[in-house]
């Protein structure tokens, strides 16, 4: 039996689900490459904690919004590990508030991390996975990757884009023995929203009058719930990552909703069979020389 450890790259490892995942995958015997921005400055304490936790944890400096940073980081991982068995895309940012008041620049910032960031890491790892004829890419989306709630629209747009990209890509890489899975957490007390930005189009906020105060009031009340004993445990999401990693190929669901998901699990159950059926019908028509694709 081989004593070579499986390797996993986890993005967004400085906090939240990512930081918890680093420790749990190390406990499972993985060689873990925990990526984050600023491990030598703003996240130096996090780096020290993780590397002290296990000799199997290696902290890597990587900014998912920067092409060269991603390329350099993955080259470093492959040089050390030789292969990457799992990529866990967890880096994300979330801005909540009056949708119209968010600038294009702020919306672009969310896309750069939540959508293009995942796209960069996937493109960095796929050549090695295709060569190895195996691999798993787990991606953290959100319940708003399937629905869109008021005041979440710019964030939801980035997650809808991510899910659309992953859904089609999953079919394309399957012949190489690579699987792609999407995890859709509901709200959890991870501090993600607190690290976000407020809308910066203040003139628009002013024009909404008293309505501009609604998001803050809603999120304040919800924040109290998230700090209570009734808040869902973020470990639920990490356990989902671990379960997906343990599942045999061909048995993983495309999407897994976790926590307070308000019907997203029902949407998933209805949507995937329709998507699979339609694609099979399109393929059949093409083979038979039917309608144009």
Protein backbone atom coordinates (compact mmCIF):
# COMPACT_ATOMS: atom_id res chain seq x y z
CA UNK A 1 0.00 0.00 0.00
CA UNK A 2 1.38 3.41 -0.95
CA UNK A 3 2.38 5.71 1.91
CA UNK A 4 2.20 8.80 -0.30
CA UNK A 5 -0.30 11.20 1.16
CA UNK A 6 -3.11 12.62 -0.91
CA UNK A 7 -2.70 16.33 -1.45
CA UNK A 8 -5.26 19.11 -1.27
CA UNK A 9 -5.08 22.82 -2.02
CA UNK A 10 -7.50 24.94 0.03
CA UNK A 11 -8.05 28.58 -0.90
CA UNK A 12 -9.27 31.19 1.57
CA UNK A 13 -7.54 29.38 4.43
CA UNK A 14 -7.07 32.38 6.70
CA UNK A 15 -10.56 32.19 8.23
CA UNK A 16 -13.98 30.57 8.23
CA UNK A 17 -14.66 27.29 6.47
CA UNK A 18 -11.21 27.33 4.88
CA UNK A 19 -9.26 27.50 8.12
CA UNK A 20 -11.35 24.76 9.70
CA UNK A 21 -10.95 22.59 6.60
CA UNK A 22 -7.16 22.86 6.68
CA UNK A 23 -7.01 21.26 10.12
CA UNK A 24 -9.61 18.58 9.44
CA UNK A 25 -8.04 17.44 6.18
CA UNK A 26 -4.65 17.30 7.90
CA UNK A 27 -6.24 15.14 10.59
CA UNK A 28 -7.49 12.84 7.83
CA UNK A 29 -3.92 12.31 6.62
CA UNK A 30 -3.84 14.72 3.69
CA UNK A 31 -0.88 16.87 2.77
CA UNK A 32 -2.61 20.25 2.95
CA UNK A 33 -1.57 23.38 1.08
CA UNK A 34 -3.37 26.26 2.77
CA UNK A 35 -3.40 29.32 0.55
CA UNK A 36 -4.07 32.87 1.70
CA UNK A 37 -3.02 36.45 1.15
CA UNK A 38 -0.35 37.96 3.37
CA UNK A 39 0.93 34.96 5.33
CA UNK A 40 4.05 36.97 6.17
CA UNK A 41 2.21 40.09 7.34
CA UNK A 42 -1.50 40.40 8.09
CA UNK A 43 -2.01 36.64 8.38
CA UNK A 44 1.30 35.76 9.97
CA UNK A 45 -0.44 34.59 13.17
CA UNK A 46 -2.78 32.34 11.20
CA UNK A 47 0.16 30.84 9.34
CA UNK A 48 1.99 30.13 12.58
CA UNK A 49 -1.09 28.51 14.12
CA UNK A 50 -1.78 26.26 11.14
CA UNK A 51 1.80 25.14 10.62
CA UNK A 52 2.16 24.44 14.34
CA UNK A 53 -1.00 22.33 14.23
CA UNK A 54 0.47 19.72 11.88
CA UNK A 55 3.60 18.99 9.88
CA UNK A 56 1.24 18.12 7.01
CA UNK A 57 0.09 21.75 6.66
CA UNK A 58 1.99 24.06 4.34
CA UNK A 59 0.88 27.70 4.10
CA UNK A 60 1.24 29.22 0.63
CA UNK A 61 0.97 32.89 -0.30
CA UNK A 62 -1.67 33.24 -3.02
CA UNK A 63 -4.06 35.95 -4.14
CA UNK A 64 -6.83 34.39 -6.25
CA UNK A 65 -7.45 37.74 -7.96
CA UNK A 66 -3.93 37.81 -9.44
CA UNK A 67 -2.96 35.60 -12.41
CA UNK A 68 0.75 35.42 -11.62
CA UNK A 69 0.17 34.79 -7.93
CA UNK A 70 -2.04 31.80 -8.73
CA UNK A 71 0.40 30.38 -11.30
CA UNK A 72 3.35 30.74 -8.92
CA UNK A 73 1.50 29.17 -6.01
CA UNK A 74 0.36 26.13 -7.95
CA UNK A 75 3.81 25.62 -9.46
CA UNK A 76 5.17 25.59 -5.90
CA UNK A 77 2.58 23.04 -4.77
CA UNK A 78 3.20 20.73 -7.71
CA UNK A 79 6.94 20.99 -7.20
CA UNK A 80 6.56 19.84 -3.60
CA UNK A 81 3.67 17.38 -3.85
CA UNK A 82 4.05 16.12 -7.41
CA UNK A 83 0.28 16.03 -7.83
CA UNK A 84 -2.88 17.65 -6.54
CA UNK A 85 -5.70 15.26 -5.68
CA UNK A 86 -8.23 17.85 -4.51
CA UNK A 87 -8.72 21.57 -5.01
CA UNK A 88 -11.10 23.19 -2.52
CA UNK A 89 -12.14 26.65 -3.68
CA UNK A 90 -13.24 28.49 -0.58
CA UNK A 91 -11.98 32.08 -1.01
CA UNK A 92 -14.85 34.53 -1.19
CA UNK A 93 -16.09 38.03 -0.42
CA UNK A 94 -19.64 39.20 0.22
CA UNK A 95 -21.07 42.73 0.00
CA UNK A 96 -24.65 43.19 1.18
CA UNK A 97 -26.92 46.20 0.91
CA UNK A 98 -29.02 48.30 -1.48
CA UNK A 99 -28.19 46.75 -4.86
CA UNK A 100 -28.40 49.94 -6.92
CA UNK A 101 -25.98 51.67 -4.56
CA UNK A 102 -23.12 49.26 -5.23
CA UNK A 103 -20.75 50.55 -7.88
CA UNK A 104 -19.58 48.60 -10.91
CA UNK A 105 -16.14 48.51 -9.31
CA UNK A 106 -17.52 46.90 -6.16
CA UNK A 107 -19.42 44.32 -8.19
CA UNK A 108 -16.27 43.60 -10.17
CA UNK A 109 -14.31 43.06 -6.93
CA UNK A 110 -16.72 40.32 -5.90
CA UNK A 111 -16.53 38.71 -9.32
CA UNK A 112 -12.72 38.80 -9.25
CA UNK A 113 -12.66 36.68 -6.10
CA UNK A 114 -15.84 34.61 -6.21
CA UNK A 115 -15.93 33.80 -9.93
CA UNK A 116 -12.68 34.64 -11.69
CA UNK A 117 -10.70 33.61 -8.61
CA UNK A 118 -12.13 30.10 -8.77
CA UNK A 119 -11.67 30.07 -12.53
CA UNK A 120 -7.97 30.93 -12.12
CA UNK A 121 -7.30 28.14 -9.64
CA UNK A 122 -9.25 25.62 -11.70
CA UNK A 123 -7.30 26.51 -14.83
CA UNK A 124 -4.08 26.21 -12.83
CA UNK A 125 -4.85 22.70 -11.59
CA UNK A 126 -6.69 21.08 -14.50
CA UNK A 127 -3.64 20.31 -16.71
CA UNK A 128 -2.04 18.26 -13.91
CA UNK A 129 -5.33 16.55 -13.08
CA UNK A 130 -5.97 15.69 -16.72
CA UNK A 131 -2.47 14.23 -16.98
CA UNK A 132 -3.08 12.15 -13.84
CA UNK A 133 -6.53 11.12 -15.11
CA UNK A 134 -8.00 11.89 -11.70
CA UNK A 135 -8.92 14.77 -9.43
CA UNK A 136 -11.69 16.43 -7.46
CA UNK A 137 -12.56 20.13 -7.42
CA UNK A 138 -14.89 21.21 -4.60
CA UNK A 139 -16.28 24.72 -4.84
CA UNK A 140 -17.97 26.80 -2.16
CA UNK A 141 -20.96 28.57 -3.66
CA UNK A 142 -23.96 29.68 -1.59
CA UNK A 143 -27.68 29.18 -1.28
CA UNK A 144 -27.90 32.41 -3.31
CA UNK A 145 -26.10 30.61 -6.13
CA UNK A 146 -29.56 29.25 -6.99
CA UNK A 147 -31.89 31.96 -5.70
CA UNK A 148 -31.44 35.71 -5.24
CA UNK A 149 -32.68 37.56 -2.19
CA UNK A 150 -33.10 41.33 -1.76
CA UNK A 151 -29.86 43.10 -0.82
CA UNK A 152 -27.78 40.08 -1.89
CA UNK A 153 -27.93 40.69 -5.63
CA UNK A 154 -24.32 41.59 -6.46
CA UNK A 155 -23.04 38.71 -4.33
CA UNK A 156 -25.66 36.34 -5.74
CA UNK A 157 -24.66 37.31 -9.28
CA UNK A 158 -21.09 36.16 -8.62
CA UNK A 159 -22.30 32.82 -7.26
CA UNK A 160 -24.75 32.31 -10.13
CA UNK A 161 -21.84 32.89 -12.52
CA UNK A 162 -19.70 30.39 -10.62
CA UNK A 163 -22.37 27.70 -10.68
CA UNK A 164 -23.05 28.21 -14.37
CA UNK A 165 -19.35 27.81 -15.13
CA UNK A 166 -18.98 24.71 -12.98
CA UNK A 167 -22.13 22.98 -14.20
CA UNK A 168 -20.96 22.85 -17.80
CA UNK A 169 -17.31 22.25 -16.95
CA UNK A 170 -18.22 19.18 -14.91
CA UNK A 171 -19.38 17.38 -18.05
CA UNK A 172 -16.29 18.39 -20.01
CA UNK A 173 -13.69 17.11 -17.54
CA UNK A 174 -15.48 13.91 -16.53
CA UNK A 175 -13.83 11.89 -19.36
CA UNK A 176 -10.47 12.69 -17.72
CA UNK A 177 -11.53 11.13 -14.43
CA UNK A 178 -12.07 14.55 -12.82
CA UNK A 179 -15.12 15.39 -10.75
CA UNK A 180 -16.51 18.79 -9.78
CA UNK A 181 -18.79 19.38 -6.81
CA UNK A 182 -20.61 22.49 -5.58
CA UNK A 183 -21.34 23.17 -1.90
CA UNK A 184 -24.06 25.71 -1.15
CA UNK A 185 -23.94 26.91 2.47
CA UNK A 186 -26.75 28.91 3.95
CA UNK A 187 -25.84 31.58 6.51
CA UNK A 188 -23.19 30.57 9.05
CA UNK A 189 -21.33 32.59 11.70
CA UNK A 190 -18.03 32.80 9.82
CA UNK A 191 -17.62 36.58 9.72
CA UNK A 192 -17.84 36.70 5.92
CA UNK A 193 -20.46 39.45 5.78
CA UNK A 194 -18.69 41.53 8.42
CA UNK A 195 -15.60 41.63 6.21
CA UNK A 196 -17.57 43.02 3.28
CA UNK A 197 -18.07 46.57 2.06
CA UNK A 198 -21.00 48.94 2.25
CA UNK A 199 -22.41 50.43 -0.98
CA UNK A 200 -20.28 53.38 -2.03
CA UNK A 201 -22.79 55.21 -4.25
CA UNK A 202 -23.95 57.40 -1.37
CA UNK A 203 -26.07 59.63 -3.58
CA UNK A 204 -28.18 56.61 -4.47
CA UNK A 205 -28.48 55.61 -0.83
CA UNK A 206 -29.68 59.12 0.03
CA UNK A 207 -32.33 58.95 -2.69
CA UNK A 208 -33.82 55.78 -1.13
CA UNK A 209 -34.71 57.70 2.02
CA UNK A 210 -35.85 55.51 4.93
CA UNK A 211 -35.76 52.41 2.70
CA UNK A 212 -31.97 52.64 2.74
CA UNK A 213 -32.05 51.66 6.44
CA UNK A 214 -33.82 48.34 5.85
CA UNK A 215 -30.76 46.18 5.03
CA UNK A 216 -28.88 47.26 8.15
CA UNK A 217 -31.89 46.55 10.35
CA UNK A 218 -32.38 43.11 8.81
CA UNK A 219 -28.74 42.15 9.07
CA UNK A 220 -28.51 43.42 12.65
CA UNK A 221 -31.32 41.13 13.75
CA UNK A 222 -29.95 38.23 11.78
CA UNK A 223 -26.50 38.90 13.25
CA UNK A 224 -27.95 38.42 16.73
CA UNK A 225 -29.28 35.03 15.66
CA UNK A 226 -25.89 34.09 14.22
CA UNK A 227 -24.30 34.83 17.60
CA UNK A 228 -26.85 32.76 19.50
CA UNK A 229 -26.78 29.10 20.50
CA UNK A 230 -29.24 28.37 17.71
CA UNK A 231 -26.87 29.41 14.92
CA UNK A 232 -25.78 26.57 12.63
CA UNK A 233 -22.31 25.17 13.23
CA UNK A 234 -19.77 25.93 10.43
CA UNK A 235 -18.44 22.42 11.00
CA UNK A 236 -21.46 21.21 8.99
CA UNK A 237 -19.90 22.69 5.85
CA UNK A 238 -16.45 21.28 6.59
CA UNK A 239 -18.02 17.85 7.18
CA UNK A 240 -19.65 18.16 3.76
CA UNK A 241 -16.25 18.81 2.16
CA UNK A 242 -14.84 15.74 3.91
CA UNK A 243 -17.80 13.59 2.88
CA UNK A 244 -17.46 14.64 -0.77
CA UNK A 245 -13.74 13.82 -0.66
CA UNK A 246 -14.53 10.35 0.67
CA UNK A 247 -17.24 9.55 -1.88
CA UNK A 248 -16.33 7.27 -4.78
CA UNK A 249 -16.26 8.76 -8.26
CA UNK A 250 -19.62 8.75 -9.94
CA UNK A 251 -21.51 8.98 -6.65
CA UNK A 252 -21.07 12.66 -5.80
CA UNK A 253 -24.02 15.02 -6.31
CA UNK A 254 -23.36 18.10 -8.41
CA UNK A 255 -24.71 20.35 -5.65
CA UNK A 256 -25.04 19.93 -1.90
CA UNK A 257 -26.95 22.51 0.14
CA UNK A 258 -25.92 22.82 3.79
CA UNK A 259 -27.60 24.47 6.77
CA UNK A 260 -30.50 26.91 6.54
CA UNK A 261 -31.02 26.76 2.79
CA UNK A 262 -34.72 27.70 2.46
CA UNK A 263 -35.68 25.32 -0.32
CA UNK A 264 -32.46 25.37 -2.33
CA UNK A 265 -32.15 21.63 -1.77
CA UNK A 266 -35.54 21.24 -3.46
CA UNK A 267 -34.42 23.39 -6.38
CA UNK A 268 -31.30 21.25 -6.75
CA UNK A 269 -33.31 18.03 -6.72
CA UNK A 270 -35.61 19.35 -9.45
CA UNK A 271 -33.01 21.11 -11.61
CA UNK A 272 -30.27 18.52 -12.10
CA UNK A 273 -32.44 15.77 -13.64
CA UNK A 274 -33.89 18.31 -16.08
CA UNK A 275 -30.43 19.51 -17.06
CA UNK A 276 -29.17 15.95 -17.57
CA UNK A 277 -32.23 14.99 -19.62
CA UNK A 278 -32.05 18.05 -21.87
CA UNK A 279 -28.35 17.50 -22.58
CA UNK A 280 -28.99 13.85 -23.46
CA UNK A 281 -31.79 14.90 -25.81
CA UNK A 282 -29.56 17.52 -27.46
CA UNK A 283 -26.79 14.98 -27.93
CA UNK A 284 -29.19 12.51 -29.48
CA UNK A 285 -30.52 15.12 -31.89
CA UNK A 286 -27.01 16.03 -32.94
CA UNK A 287 -26.05 12.42 -33.56
CA UNK A 288 -29.18 11.91 -35.65
CA UNK A 289 -28.58 15.10 -37.62
CA UNK A 290 -31.56 16.87 -36.14
CA UNK A 291 -31.92 20.45 -34.99
CA UNK A 292 -28.89 22.72 -34.82
CA UNK A 293 -27.17 22.79 -31.42
